[in-house]
Amino acid sequence: MLRRADGTYIFPGGHVEYAESIDACLKREALEELSYDLEAKPMFFDLYEYIPEDHSKHALILHYLVVLSAKPVFKLGDDEANSEMIWFTKAELAKIIPKPAFIEKAFTS
């Protein structure tokens, strides 16, 4: 996960470009953020719907699982808000994401 300068964590990823398929987006984002060329098609894992209290936007956050054949090289990019990329164990991730069903599903899928 990416640890941001404010201490929060996010998964690598990004936004789908106009007229871009989800598969093409996953492949592009993996290359941009992880220097990784996806060989196998990622498996859909989870959907999170986000609407802030002020209703200023509505986001659908899609999570996919990928089996890696090699360790990716994280790219932090030019965004000063990005601090470092960190690998977590199941126990460590459970402390960051307080959703036991999500964590269990991620480690058993």
C-alpha atoms as a PDB file:
ATOM      1  CA  MET A   1       0.000   0.000   0.000  1.00  0.00           C
ATOM      2  CA  LEU A   2       1.017   3.598  -0.475  1.00  0.00           C
ATOM      3  CA  ARG A   3       1.595   5.541   2.734  1.00  0.00           C
ATOM      4  CA  ARG A   4       0.776   9.168   2.159  1.00  0.00           C
ATOM      5  CA  ALA A   5       2.556  12.054   3.881  1.00  0.00           C
ATOM      6  CA  ASP A   6      -0.496  12.604   6.131  1.00  0.00           C
ATOM      7  CA  GLY A   7      -0.144   9.029   7.498  1.00  0.00           C
ATOM      8  CA  THR A   8      -3.097   7.520   5.626  1.00  0.00           C
ATOM      9  CA  TYR A   9      -2.811   4.476   3.344  1.00  0.00           C
ATOM     10  CA  ILE A  10      -4.232   3.762  -0.103  1.00  0.00           C
ATOM     11  CA  PHE A  11      -3.929   0.893  -2.576  1.00  0.00           C
ATOM     12  CA  PRO A  12      -2.034   1.484  -5.830  1.00  0.00           C
ATOM     13  CA  GLY A  13      -4.405   2.396  -8.619  1.00  0.00           C
ATOM     14  CA  GLY A  14      -6.063   5.262 -10.380  1.00  0.00           C
ATOM     15  CA  HIS A  15      -8.938   6.350 -12.530  1.00  0.00           C
ATOM     16  CA  VAL A  16     -10.392   4.829 -15.673  1.00  0.00           C
ATOM     17  CA  GLU A  17      -9.756   7.132 -18.634  1.00  0.00           C
ATOM     18  CA  TYR A  18     -12.611   8.087 -20.945  1.00  0.00           C
ATOM     19  CA  ALA A  19     -13.493   5.145 -23.253  1.00  0.00           C
ATOM     20  CA  GLU A  20     -10.885   2.918 -21.551  1.00  0.00           C
ATOM     21  CA  SER A  21     -11.862  -0.626 -20.566  1.00  0.00           C
ATOM     22  CA  ILE A  22     -11.349  -1.711 -16.971  1.00  0.00           C
ATOM     23  CA  ASP A  23      -8.841  -4.355 -18.109  1.00  0.00           C
ATOM     24  CA  ALA A  24      -6.854  -1.721 -20.034  1.00  0.00           C
ATOM     25  CA  CYS A  25      -6.973   0.593 -17.010  1.00  0.00           C
ATOM     26  CA  LEU A  26      -5.663  -2.124 -14.679  1.00  0.00           C
ATOM     27  CA  LYS A  27      -2.830  -2.915 -17.069  1.00  0.00           C
ATOM     28  CA  ARG A  28      -1.921   0.784 -17.480  1.00  0.00           C
ATOM     29  CA  GLU A  29      -2.067   1.556 -13.756  1.00  0.00           C
ATOM     30  CA  ALA A  30       0.047  -1.508 -12.874  1.00  0.00           C
ATOM     31  CA  LEU A  31       2.684  -0.334 -15.341  1.00  0.00           C
ATOM     32  CA  GLU A  32       2.537   3.318 -14.207  1.00  0.00           C
ATOM     33  CA  GLU A  33       2.529   2.747 -10.457  1.00  0.00           C
ATOM     34  CA  LEU A  34       4.243  -0.625 -10.045  1.00  0.00           C
ATOM     35  CA  SER A  35       6.468  -0.915 -13.136  1.00  0.00           C
ATOM     36  CA  TYR A  36       4.660  -4.224 -13.649  1.00  0.00           C
ATOM     37  CA  ASP A  37       3.332  -5.705 -16.873  1.00  0.00           C
ATOM     38  CA  LEU A  38       0.189  -7.661 -16.019  1.00  0.00           C
ATOM     39  CA  GLU A  39       0.272 -11.045 -17.702  1.00  0.00           C
ATOM     40  CA  ALA A  40      -2.825 -12.679 -16.239  1.00  0.00           C
ATOM     41  CA  LYS A  41      -6.241 -11.074 -16.138  1.00  0.00           C
ATOM     42  CA  PRO A  42      -6.947  -9.694 -12.648  1.00  0.00           C
ATOM     43  CA  MET A  43      -9.874 -11.175 -10.712  1.00  0.00           C
ATOM     44  CA  PHE A  44     -12.620  -8.828  -9.523  1.00  0.00           C
ATOM     45  CA  PHE A  45     -12.513  -8.750  -5.750  1.00  0.00           C
ATOM     46  CA  ASP A  46     -14.582  -6.021  -4.120  1.00  0.00           C
ATOM     47  CA  LEU A  47     -16.617  -2.884  -4.745  1.00  0.00           C
ATOM     48  CA  TYR A  48     -16.715   0.060  -2.365  1.00  0.00           C
ATOM     49  CA  GLU A  49     -19.149   2.908  -2.930  1.00  0.00           C
ATOM     50  CA  TYR A  50     -18.073   6.289  -1.572  1.00  0.00           C
ATOM     51  CA  ILE A  51     -20.299   9.349  -1.211  1.00  0.00           C
ATOM     52  CA  PRO A  52     -18.999  12.057   1.135  1.00  0.00           C
ATOM     53  CA  GLU A  53     -21.389  13.725   3.587  1.00  0.00           C
ATOM     54  CA  ASP A  54     -21.528  16.867   1.431  1.00  0.00           C
ATOM     55  CA  HIS A  55     -22.559  14.746  -1.614  1.00  0.00           C
ATOM     56  CA  SER A  56     -19.930  16.518  -3.728  1.00  0.00           C
ATOM     57  CA  LYS A  57     -19.049  13.317  -5.596  1.00  0.00           C
ATOM     58  CA  HIS A  58     -19.962   9.673  -6.003  1.00  0.00           C
ATOM     59  CA  ALA A  59     -17.137   7.200  -6.473  1.00  0.00           C
ATOM     60  CA  LEU A  60     -17.145   3.472  -7.112  1.00  0.00           C
ATOM     61  CA  ILE A  61     -13.880   1.939  -5.978  1.00  0.00           C
ATOM     62  CA  LEU A  62     -13.128  -1.424  -7.566  1.00  0.00           C
ATOM     63  CA  HIS A  63     -10.570  -3.773  -6.032  1.00  0.00           C
ATOM     64  CA  TYR A  64      -8.953  -6.558  -8.054  1.00  0.00           C
ATOM     65  CA  LEU A  65      -6.669  -9.416  -7.053  1.00  0.00           C
ATOM     66  CA  VAL A  66      -3.607 -10.203  -9.117  1.00  0.00           C
ATOM     67  CA  VAL A  67      -1.207 -13.130  -8.879  1.00  0.00           C
ATOM     68  CA  LEU A  68       2.280 -11.722  -9.358  1.00  0.00           C
ATOM     69  CA  SER A  69       5.081 -13.688 -10.996  1.00  0.00           C
ATOM     70  CA  ALA A  70       7.679 -11.186  -9.753  1.00  0.00           C
ATOM     71  CA  LYS A  71       7.864  -8.479  -7.113  1.00  0.00           C
ATOM     72  CA  PRO A  72       6.776  -5.098  -8.526  1.00  0.00           C
ATOM     73  CA  VAL A  73       8.875  -1.952  -8.220  1.00  0.00           C
ATOM     74  CA  PHE A  74       6.833   0.806  -6.669  1.00  0.00           C
ATOM     75  CA  LYS A  75       6.871   4.256  -8.231  1.00  0.00           C
ATOM     76  CA  LEU A  76       5.971   7.147  -5.957  1.00  0.00           C
ATOM     77  CA  GLY A  77       5.779   9.674  -8.779  1.00  0.00           C
ATOM     78  CA  ASP A  78       5.980  13.426  -8.392  1.00  0.00           C
ATOM     79  CA  ASP A  79       3.110  13.750  -5.921  1.00  0.00           C
ATOM     80  CA  GLU A  80       4.563  15.173  -2.697  1.00  0.00           C
ATOM     81  CA  ALA A  81       1.615  13.677  -0.796  1.00  0.00           C
ATOM     82  CA  ASN A  82       3.041  10.204  -1.498  1.00  0.00           C
ATOM     83  CA  SER A  83       5.605   9.076   1.021  1.00  0.00           C
ATOM     84  CA  GLU A  84       6.433   5.372   0.574  1.00  0.00           C
ATOM     85  CA  MET A  85       5.108   1.989  -0.536  1.00  0.00           C
ATOM     86  CA  ILE A  86       4.842  -0.729   2.097  1.00  0.00           C
ATOM     87  CA  TRP A  87       4.048  -4.465   2.018  1.00  0.00           C
ATOM     88  CA  PHE A  88       1.792  -5.628   4.864  1.00  0.00           C
ATOM     89  CA  THR A  89       1.046  -9.002   6.423  1.00  0.00           C
ATOM     90  CA  LYS A  90      -2.563  -9.997   7.061  1.00  0.00           C
ATOM     91  CA  ALA A  91      -2.283  -9.023  10.750  1.00  0.00           C
ATOM     92  CA  GLU A  92      -0.731  -5.644   9.926  1.00  0.00           C
ATOM     93  CA  LEU A  93      -3.333  -4.885   7.266  1.00  0.00           C
ATOM     94  CA  ALA A  94      -6.153  -5.712   9.692  1.00  0.00           C
ATOM     95  CA  LYS A  95      -4.934  -2.857  11.916  1.00  0.00           C
ATOM     96  CA  ILE A  96      -5.133  -0.382   9.028  1.00  0.00           C
ATOM     97  CA  ILE A  97      -8.389  -1.563   7.438  1.00  0.00           C
ATOM     98  CA  PRO A  98     -10.949  -2.233  10.185  1.00  0.00           C
ATOM     99  CA  LYS A  99     -13.110  -4.462   7.963  1.00  0.00           C
ATOM    100  CA  PRO A 100     -12.488  -8.102   8.958  1.00  0.00           C
ATOM    101  CA  ALA A 101     -14.591  -9.529   6.097  1.00  0.00           C
ATOM    102  CA  PHE A 102     -12.557  -7.569   3.511  1.00  0.00           C
ATOM    103  CA  ILE A 103      -9.243  -8.704   5.005  1.00  0.00           C
ATOM    104  CA  GLU A 104     -10.312 -12.340   5.282  1.00  0.00           C
ATOM    105  CA  LYS A 105     -11.596 -12.349   1.706  1.00  0.00           C
ATOM    106  CA  ALA A 106      -8.345 -10.787   0.451  1.00  0.00           C
ATOM    107  CA  PHE A 107      -6.218 -13.486   2.028  1.00  0.00           C
ATOM    108  CA  THR A 108      -8.392 -16.454   1.080  1.00  0.00           C
ATOM    109  CA  SER A 109      -9.317 -15.575  -2.530  1.00  0.00           C
END
